[in-house]
Amino acid sequence: MAKANKVKVTLVKSTISCTAAQKGTVAALGLKKIGQSNTFVDSATLQGQLKVVSHLVKVENV
């Protein structure tokens, strides 16, 4: 089996004054505080979420 690509997502900006959809997406990613990170298996669904909040998060390949 091929190894699944993983990405590390880190919240780098506050969600204050963001839309409700953006706040919900950040919450769905499991990020609450600035500097908090979470690791995910890369997928089309994840890429769509990251596109919505690209200005709030930093994404790194793991």
N, C-alpha and C. Protein backbone atom coordinates (compact mmCIF):
# COMPACT_ATOMS: atom_id res chain seq x y z
N MET A 1 0.84 -1.19 0.00
CA MET A 1 0.00 0.00 0.00
C MET A 1 0.88 1.24 0.00
N ALA A 2 0.38 2.25 -0.68
CA ALA A 2 1.10 3.52 -0.71
C ALA A 2 0.89 4.27 0.60
N LYS A 3 1.93 4.96 1.01
CA LYS A 3 1.85 5.73 2.25
C LYS A 3 1.01 6.98 1.99
N ALA A 4 0.06 7.25 2.88
CA ALA A 4 -0.82 8.42 2.74
C ALA A 4 -0.06 9.68 3.11
N ASN A 5 -0.25 10.73 2.33
CA ASN A 5 0.37 12.01 2.63
C ASN A 5 -0.31 12.63 3.84
N LYS A 6 0.49 13.22 4.71
CA LYS A 6 -0.05 13.90 5.88
C LYS A 6 0.34 15.36 5.84
N VAL A 7 -0.54 16.20 6.38
CA VAL A 7 -0.26 17.62 6.47
C VAL A 7 -0.47 18.09 7.89
N LYS A 8 0.35 19.04 8.31
CA LYS A 8 0.23 19.64 9.63
C LYS A 8 -0.36 21.03 9.44
N VAL A 9 -1.47 21.29 10.12
CA VAL A 9 -2.17 22.56 10.00
C VAL A 9 -2.04 23.31 11.32
N THR A 10 -1.57 24.57 11.26
CA THR A 10 -1.36 25.38 12.44
C THR A 10 -2.15 26.68 12.30
N LEU A 11 -2.90 27.03 13.34
CA LEU A 11 -3.64 28.30 13.35
C LEU A 11 -2.66 29.43 13.66
N VAL A 12 -2.55 30.41 12.76
CA VAL A 12 -1.59 31.50 12.95
C VAL A 12 -2.25 32.87 13.11
N LYS A 13 -3.54 32.96 12.82
CA LYS A 13 -4.25 34.22 12.99
C LYS A 13 -5.56 33.97 13.73
N SER A 14 -6.06 35.00 14.38
CA SER A 14 -7.29 34.90 15.15
C SER A 14 -8.51 34.82 14.24
N THR A 15 -9.57 34.20 14.76
CA THR A 15 -10.82 34.11 14.01
C THR A 15 -11.78 35.25 14.34
N ILE A 16 -11.31 36.21 15.13
CA ILE A 16 -12.14 37.38 15.42
C ILE A 16 -12.40 38.11 14.11
N SER A 17 -13.61 38.53 13.90
CA SER A 17 -14.09 39.24 12.71
C SER A 17 -14.09 38.37 11.46
N CYS A 18 -14.05 37.05 11.60
CA CYS A 18 -14.21 36.14 10.47
C CYS A 18 -15.68 35.76 10.36
N THR A 19 -16.04 35.25 9.20
CA THR A 19 -17.42 34.82 9.01
C THR A 19 -17.70 33.57 9.84
N ALA A 20 -18.96 33.28 10.02
CA ALA A 20 -19.35 32.09 10.79
C ALA A 20 -18.86 30.82 10.11
N ALA A 21 -18.86 30.80 8.78
CA ALA A 21 -18.39 29.62 8.05
C ALA A 21 -16.90 29.39 8.30
N GLN A 22 -16.12 30.46 8.33
CA GLN A 22 -14.68 30.33 8.58
C GLN A 22 -14.42 29.87 10.02
N LYS A 23 -15.16 30.42 10.97
CA LYS A 23 -15.01 29.99 12.37
C LYS A 23 -15.38 28.52 12.52
N GLY A 24 -16.44 28.10 11.84
CA GLY A 24 -16.86 26.71 11.89
C GLY A 24 -15.83 25.77 11.28
N THR A 25 -15.20 26.20 10.20
CA THR A 25 -14.18 25.39 9.55
C THR A 25 -12.97 25.23 10.46
N VAL A 26 -12.54 26.31 11.11
CA VAL A 26 -11.41 26.24 12.04
C VAL A 26 -11.76 25.30 13.19
N ALA A 27 -12.97 25.39 13.69
CA ALA A 27 -13.40 24.50 14.78
C ALA A 27 -13.42 23.04 14.31
N ALA A 28 -13.87 22.81 13.08
CA ALA A 28 -13.92 21.45 12.54
C ALA A 28 -12.52 20.87 12.37
N LEU A 29 -11.54 21.74 12.16
CA LEU A 29 -10.16 21.29 12.06
C LEU A 29 -9.55 21.02 13.43
N GLY A 30 -10.30 21.33 14.49
CA GLY A 30 -9.84 21.06 15.85
C GLY A 30 -8.88 22.10 16.38
N LEU A 31 -8.93 23.31 15.82
CA LEU A 31 -8.03 24.38 16.24
C LEU A 31 -8.80 25.41 17.05
N LYS A 32 -8.28 25.73 18.24
CA LYS A 32 -8.95 26.68 19.11
C LYS A 32 -8.11 27.89 19.43
N LYS A 33 -6.81 27.68 19.61
CA LYS A 33 -5.93 28.78 20.01
C LYS A 33 -4.86 29.01 18.95
N ILE A 34 -4.39 30.23 18.85
CA ILE A 34 -3.31 30.55 17.93
C ILE A 34 -2.08 29.73 18.32
N GLY A 35 -1.44 29.14 17.33
CA GLY A 35 -0.28 28.31 17.58
C GLY A 35 -0.60 26.83 17.74
N GLN A 36 -1.86 26.50 17.86
CA GLN A 36 -2.27 25.11 18.01
C GLN A 36 -2.20 24.40 16.66
N SER A 37 -1.73 23.16 16.66
CA SER A 37 -1.56 22.39 15.42
C SER A 37 -2.32 21.09 15.48
N ASN A 38 -2.61 20.56 14.31
CA ASN A 38 -3.26 19.27 14.18
C ASN A 38 -2.75 18.63 12.90
N THR A 39 -2.62 17.31 12.88
CA THR A 39 -2.13 16.59 11.72
C THR A 39 -3.27 15.80 11.09
N PHE A 40 -3.35 15.86 9.76
CA PHE A 40 -4.42 15.20 9.02
C PHE A 40 -3.86 14.42 7.85
N VAL A 41 -4.60 13.40 7.42
CA VAL A 41 -4.30 12.72 6.17
C VAL A 41 -4.86 13.60 5.05
N ASP A 42 -4.04 13.87 4.05
CA ASP A 42 -4.43 14.76 2.96
C ASP A 42 -5.57 14.14 2.15
N SER A 43 -6.60 14.94 1.86
CA SER A 43 -7.73 14.49 1.06
C SER A 43 -8.36 15.70 0.37
N ALA A 44 -9.25 15.44 -0.55
CA ALA A 44 -9.93 16.51 -1.26
C ALA A 44 -10.79 17.33 -0.30
N THR A 45 -11.40 16.68 0.66
CA THR A 45 -12.22 17.37 1.65
C THR A 45 -11.38 18.33 2.48
N LEU A 46 -10.23 17.86 2.92
CA LEU A 46 -9.33 18.70 3.70
C LEU A 46 -8.85 19.88 2.87
N GLN A 47 -8.51 19.66 1.61
CA GLN A 47 -8.04 20.75 0.76
C GLN A 47 -9.12 21.83 0.60
N GLY A 48 -10.38 21.43 0.52
CA GLY A 48 -11.48 22.39 0.45
C GLY A 48 -11.59 23.21 1.73
N GLN A 49 -11.44 22.56 2.88
CA GLN A 49 -11.48 23.28 4.16
C GLN A 49 -10.32 24.27 4.26
N LEU A 50 -9.14 23.85 3.84
CA LEU A 50 -7.97 24.71 3.93
C LEU A 50 -8.09 25.91 2.98
N LYS A 51 -8.76 25.73 1.87
CA LYS A 51 -8.96 26.84 0.93
C LYS A 51 -9.82 27.93 1.57
N VAL A 52 -10.80 27.54 2.37
CA VAL A 52 -11.70 28.48 3.02
C VAL A 52 -10.97 29.33 4.05
N VAL A 53 -10.00 28.73 4.76
CA VAL A 53 -9.31 29.43 5.85
C VAL A 53 -7.82 29.59 5.57
N SER A 54 -7.45 29.67 4.31
CA SER A 54 -6.03 29.73 3.95
C SER A 54 -5.31 30.94 4.54
N HIS A 55 -6.04 32.03 4.79
CA HIS A 55 -5.44 33.23 5.34
C HIS A 55 -5.26 33.15 6.86
N LEU A 56 -5.77 32.10 7.48
CA LEU A 56 -5.70 31.94 8.93
C LEU A 56 -4.74 30.85 9.38
N VAL A 57 -4.39 29.95 8.48
CA VAL A 57 -3.60 28.79 8.87
C VAL A 57 -2.31 28.68 8.06
N LYS A 58 -1.37 27.90 8.62
CA LYS A 58 -0.14 27.54 7.92
C LYS A 58 -0.18 26.04 7.72
N VAL A 59 0.14 25.59 6.51
CA VAL A 59 0.07 24.17 6.16
C VAL A 59 1.47 23.68 5.81
N GLU A 60 1.86 22.55 6.41
CA GLU A 60 3.16 21.95 6.15
C GLU A 60 2.99 20.48 5.84
N ASN A 61 3.76 19.97 4.90
CA ASN A 61 3.78 18.52 4.62
C ASN A 61 4.59 17.84 5.71
N VAL A 62 4.09 16.68 6.15
CA VAL A 62 4.79 15.93 7.21
C VAL A 62 5.33 14.66 6.61
